[in-house]
Amino acid sequence: MSGNSQPLVSVIMNCYNSELYLKESIDSVYAQTYSNWEIIFWDNASTDKSSKIAKSYDNKLKYFKAAQTTILGEARILAVEKSNGEYLAFLDCDDYWLPEKLKLQMEIFNNQPNIAVVYGRCELLYESSGLKKIFPKQKKLKAGFVFQDLAKEDFIPFPSVVLDKKKFIDCGGFPMHFKCATDYWVLLHL
């Protein structure tokens, strides 16, 4: 925890050759109205200009480069190990957040300290068709103990998630050997 009265949120960004949308993605974190965050930028041995873009920011972005490319589960574990925050958020390098995302989610954690996950909707933009889709579609988001619903369908968009880091670690964190669905596994366990 930093000297700030707001809890620190570690924003985990795993990157592999993501230069196309990377600046917009990182800028969306810097535009947050919630100010106590750090970016843990895990460069998974990119060969494009991703490292140059990431290194152009100040010390709120902590840059780490893997010696070789690893599977997603391992890359996420290594990035989380570098984090200092009480909370974890995840942002893929082709996604971006609206400016009040962290502020609104941290208000929920402050008012309900026993929860493990806060999530929201996201808007999916399909570049090839220009199609926009809101996910999840439900008018009212599922809340409370949602395991049974989540076991039937993964309705939580991972870029929208903020997790309590202690609860995340207590549930076992990311499975190292998974190539995909590491987020779904964690959400089911939380």
Protein backbone atom coordinates (compact mmCIF):
# COMPACT_ATOMS: atom_id res chain seq x y z
CA MET A 1 0.00 0.00 0.00
CA SER A 2 1.27 3.43 -0.82
CA GLY A 3 1.04 6.60 1.28
CA ASN A 4 -2.16 7.47 -0.57
CA SER A 5 -5.43 6.98 1.38
CA GLN A 6 -6.91 5.18 -1.64
CA PRO A 7 -5.98 1.49 -1.98
CA LEU A 8 -3.41 0.82 -4.71
CA VAL A 9 -4.72 -0.96 -7.82
CA SER A 10 -2.17 -2.89 -9.87
CA VAL A 11 -3.19 -2.90 -13.52
CA ILE A 12 -1.74 -6.00 -15.16
CA MET A 13 -1.00 -5.64 -18.86
CA ASN A 14 0.37 -8.73 -20.60
CA CYS A 15 1.78 -7.83 -23.99
CA TYR A 16 2.98 -9.75 -26.99
CA ASN A 17 3.49 -7.75 -30.20
CA SER A 18 0.64 -5.38 -29.42
CA GLU A 19 1.89 -2.07 -30.81
CA LEU A 20 -1.23 -1.34 -32.87
CA TYR A 21 -3.54 -0.24 -30.03
CA LEU A 22 -1.06 -0.15 -27.16
CA LYS A 23 -0.77 3.62 -26.72
CA GLU A 24 -4.57 4.06 -26.55
CA SER A 25 -4.80 1.21 -24.06
CA ILE A 26 -2.13 2.62 -21.73
CA ASP A 27 -3.50 6.16 -22.11
CA SER A 28 -6.90 4.94 -20.88
CA VAL A 29 -5.28 3.96 -17.57
CA TYR A 30 -3.53 7.32 -17.29
CA ALA A 31 -6.91 9.01 -17.91
CA GLN A 32 -8.53 7.33 -14.89
CA THR A 33 -10.18 9.63 -12.35
CA TYR A 34 -9.02 7.17 -9.64
CA SER A 35 -5.39 8.11 -9.17
CA ASN A 36 -3.77 5.42 -7.03
CA TRP A 37 -2.76 2.78 -9.55
CA GLU A 38 0.33 1.27 -11.08
CA ILE A 39 0.71 -0.57 -14.37
CA ILE A 40 2.62 -3.82 -14.29
CA PHE A 41 3.57 -4.16 -17.94
CA TRP A 42 4.71 -7.68 -18.77
CA ASP A 43 6.30 -7.80 -22.21
CA ASN A 44 6.14 -11.44 -23.24
CA ALA A 45 9.24 -11.18 -25.49
CA SER A 46 7.66 -8.90 -28.11
CA THR A 47 9.57 -8.24 -31.32
CA ASP A 48 7.59 -5.18 -32.47
CA LYS A 49 7.61 -1.61 -31.06
CA SER A 50 5.62 -2.52 -27.92
CA SER A 51 8.62 -2.04 -25.61
CA LYS A 52 9.40 1.41 -27.03
CA ILE A 53 5.79 2.52 -26.52
CA ALA A 54 5.60 1.16 -22.96
CA LYS A 55 8.96 2.64 -21.95
CA SER A 56 7.84 6.11 -23.09
CA TYR A 57 5.67 6.50 -19.95
CA ASP A 58 6.64 7.59 -16.44
CA ASN A 59 7.39 5.42 -13.42
CA LYS A 60 3.71 4.59 -12.79
CA LEU A 61 4.25 2.04 -15.57
CA LYS A 62 6.65 -0.65 -14.40
CA TYR A 63 8.10 -2.45 -17.41
CA PHE A 64 9.26 -6.07 -17.29
CA LYS A 65 10.40 -8.16 -20.26
CA ALA A 66 10.40 -11.95 -20.35
CA ALA A 67 13.49 -13.64 -21.74
CA GLN A 68 11.24 -15.82 -23.88
CA THR A 69 7.56 -16.03 -24.71
CA THR A 70 5.54 -18.06 -22.21
CA ILE A 71 1.94 -19.27 -22.13
CA LEU A 72 -0.69 -16.87 -20.78
CA GLY A 73 -1.08 -18.52 -17.37
CA GLU A 74 2.62 -18.25 -16.61
CA ALA A 75 2.89 -14.71 -18.01
CA ARG A 76 0.01 -13.54 -15.81
CA ILE A 77 1.51 -15.19 -12.72
CA LEU A 78 4.87 -13.52 -13.33
CA ALA A 79 3.21 -10.12 -13.79
CA VAL A 80 1.07 -10.47 -10.65
CA GLU A 81 4.21 -11.37 -8.65
CA LYS A 82 5.61 -7.92 -9.53
CA SER A 83 2.47 -6.10 -8.35
CA ASN A 84 2.26 -4.01 -5.18
CA GLY A 85 -1.46 -3.28 -5.10
CA GLU A 86 -4.16 -4.50 -2.76
CA TYR A 87 -6.35 -4.90 -5.84
CA LEU A 88 -5.70 -6.26 -9.32
CA ALA A 89 -7.20 -5.15 -12.62
CA PHE A 90 -6.40 -6.58 -16.04
CA LEU A 91 -6.21 -4.75 -19.31
CA ASP A 92 -5.40 -6.39 -22.61
CA CYS A 93 -3.31 -4.29 -24.96
CA ASP A 94 -6.09 -3.92 -27.50
CA ASP A 95 -8.69 -2.79 -24.94
CA TYR A 96 -9.24 0.49 -23.16
CA TRP A 97 -11.20 1.76 -20.17
CA LEU A 98 -13.56 4.67 -19.70
CA PRO A 99 -12.18 7.32 -17.32
CA GLU A 100 -14.33 6.49 -14.25
CA LYS A 101 -13.96 2.70 -14.36
CA LEU A 102 -11.58 2.29 -11.41
CA LYS A 103 -13.23 5.05 -9.35
CA LEU A 104 -16.68 3.46 -9.57
CA GLN A 105 -15.40 -0.03 -8.88
CA MET A 106 -13.25 1.01 -5.93
CA GLU A 107 -16.26 2.78 -4.39
CA ILE A 108 -18.02 -0.60 -4.39
CA PHE A 109 -15.06 -2.27 -2.68
CA ASN A 110 -14.94 0.54 -0.09
CA ASN A 111 -18.63 0.08 0.69
CA GLN A 112 -18.56 -3.74 0.66
CA PRO A 113 -15.11 -4.87 1.85
CA ASN A 114 -15.90 -8.62 1.88
CA ILE A 115 -16.43 -8.97 -1.85
CA ALA A 116 -13.79 -10.54 -4.09
CA VAL A 117 -14.69 -9.29 -7.59
CA VAL A 118 -16.31 -6.21 -9.09
CA TYR A 119 -17.10 -6.30 -12.79
CA GLY A 120 -19.10 -4.37 -15.32
CA ARG A 121 -20.13 -4.27 -18.93
CA CYS A 122 -17.93 -3.73 -21.89
CA GLU A 123 -18.52 -2.68 -25.43
CA LEU A 124 -17.03 -4.97 -28.04
CA LEU A 125 -15.97 -3.27 -31.24
CA TYR A 126 -15.38 -5.45 -34.28
CA GLU A 127 -12.90 -3.61 -36.47
CA SER A 128 -13.61 -5.62 -39.63
CA SER A 129 -17.37 -4.97 -39.61
CA GLY A 130 -17.71 -1.86 -37.44
CA LEU A 131 -20.23 -3.80 -35.33
CA LYS A 132 -20.65 -2.78 -31.68
CA LYS A 133 -21.97 -5.20 -29.10
CA ILE A 134 -22.61 -4.68 -25.37
CA PHE A 135 -21.55 -7.60 -23.13
CA PRO A 136 -23.19 -8.84 -20.99
CA LYS A 137 -26.57 -7.94 -22.46
CA GLN A 138 -28.71 -8.25 -19.29
CA LYS A 139 -30.21 -5.01 -18.06
CA LYS A 140 -29.22 -5.81 -14.48
CA LEU A 141 -25.82 -7.38 -13.89
CA LYS A 142 -25.71 -10.53 -11.78
CA ALA A 143 -24.42 -9.87 -8.28
CA GLY A 144 -23.83 -11.71 -5.04
CA PHE A 145 -22.89 -15.38 -5.09
CA VAL A 146 -22.95 -16.01 -8.86
CA PHE A 147 -21.08 -19.34 -9.04
CA GLN A 148 -24.04 -21.35 -10.35
CA ASP A 149 -24.73 -18.85 -13.14
CA LEU A 150 -21.03 -18.45 -13.92
CA ALA A 151 -20.56 -22.24 -14.16
CA LYS A 152 -23.15 -22.26 -16.97
CA GLU A 153 -21.74 -19.29 -18.88
CA ASP A 154 -18.76 -16.95 -18.61
CA PHE A 155 -20.66 -13.66 -18.52
CA ILE A 156 -17.92 -11.58 -16.88
CA PRO A 157 -15.74 -9.62 -19.32
CA PHE A 158 -12.25 -9.88 -17.86
CA PRO A 159 -11.09 -6.37 -18.87
CA SER A 160 -13.92 -5.05 -16.68
CA VAL A 161 -12.77 -6.92 -13.55
CA VAL A 162 -11.12 -5.64 -10.39
CA LEU A 163 -10.11 -8.35 -7.89
CA ASP A 164 -9.17 -8.30 -4.23
CA LYS A 165 -5.55 -9.49 -4.47
CA LYS A 166 -5.55 -11.36 -1.15
CA LYS A 167 -8.67 -13.32 -2.10
CA PHE A 168 -7.19 -13.97 -5.54
CA ILE A 169 -4.04 -15.43 -3.97
CA ASP A 170 -6.07 -17.40 -1.41
CA CYS A 171 -8.03 -19.11 -4.22
CA GLY A 172 -4.81 -20.18 -5.92
CA GLY A 173 -4.38 -17.42 -8.49
CA PHE A 174 -3.88 -18.22 -12.15
CA PRO A 175 -3.17 -21.79 -13.21
CA MET A 176 0.34 -21.76 -14.67
CA HIS A 177 -0.21 -24.49 -17.25
CA PHE A 178 -3.32 -22.98 -18.92
CA LYS A 179 -2.91 -21.58 -22.45
CA CYS A 180 -6.31 -19.84 -22.29
CA ALA A 181 -9.31 -19.36 -19.98
CA THR A 182 -7.10 -18.44 -17.01
CA ASP A 183 -9.52 -15.63 -16.19
CA TYR A 184 -12.58 -17.90 -16.22
CA TRP A 185 -10.82 -20.40 -13.95
CA VAL A 186 -9.99 -17.66 -11.43
CA LEU A 187 -13.49 -16.19 -11.49
CA LEU A 188 -15.05 -19.61 -10.84
CA HIS A 189 -12.70 -20.19 -7.89
CA LEU A 190 -13.29 -16.75 -6.40
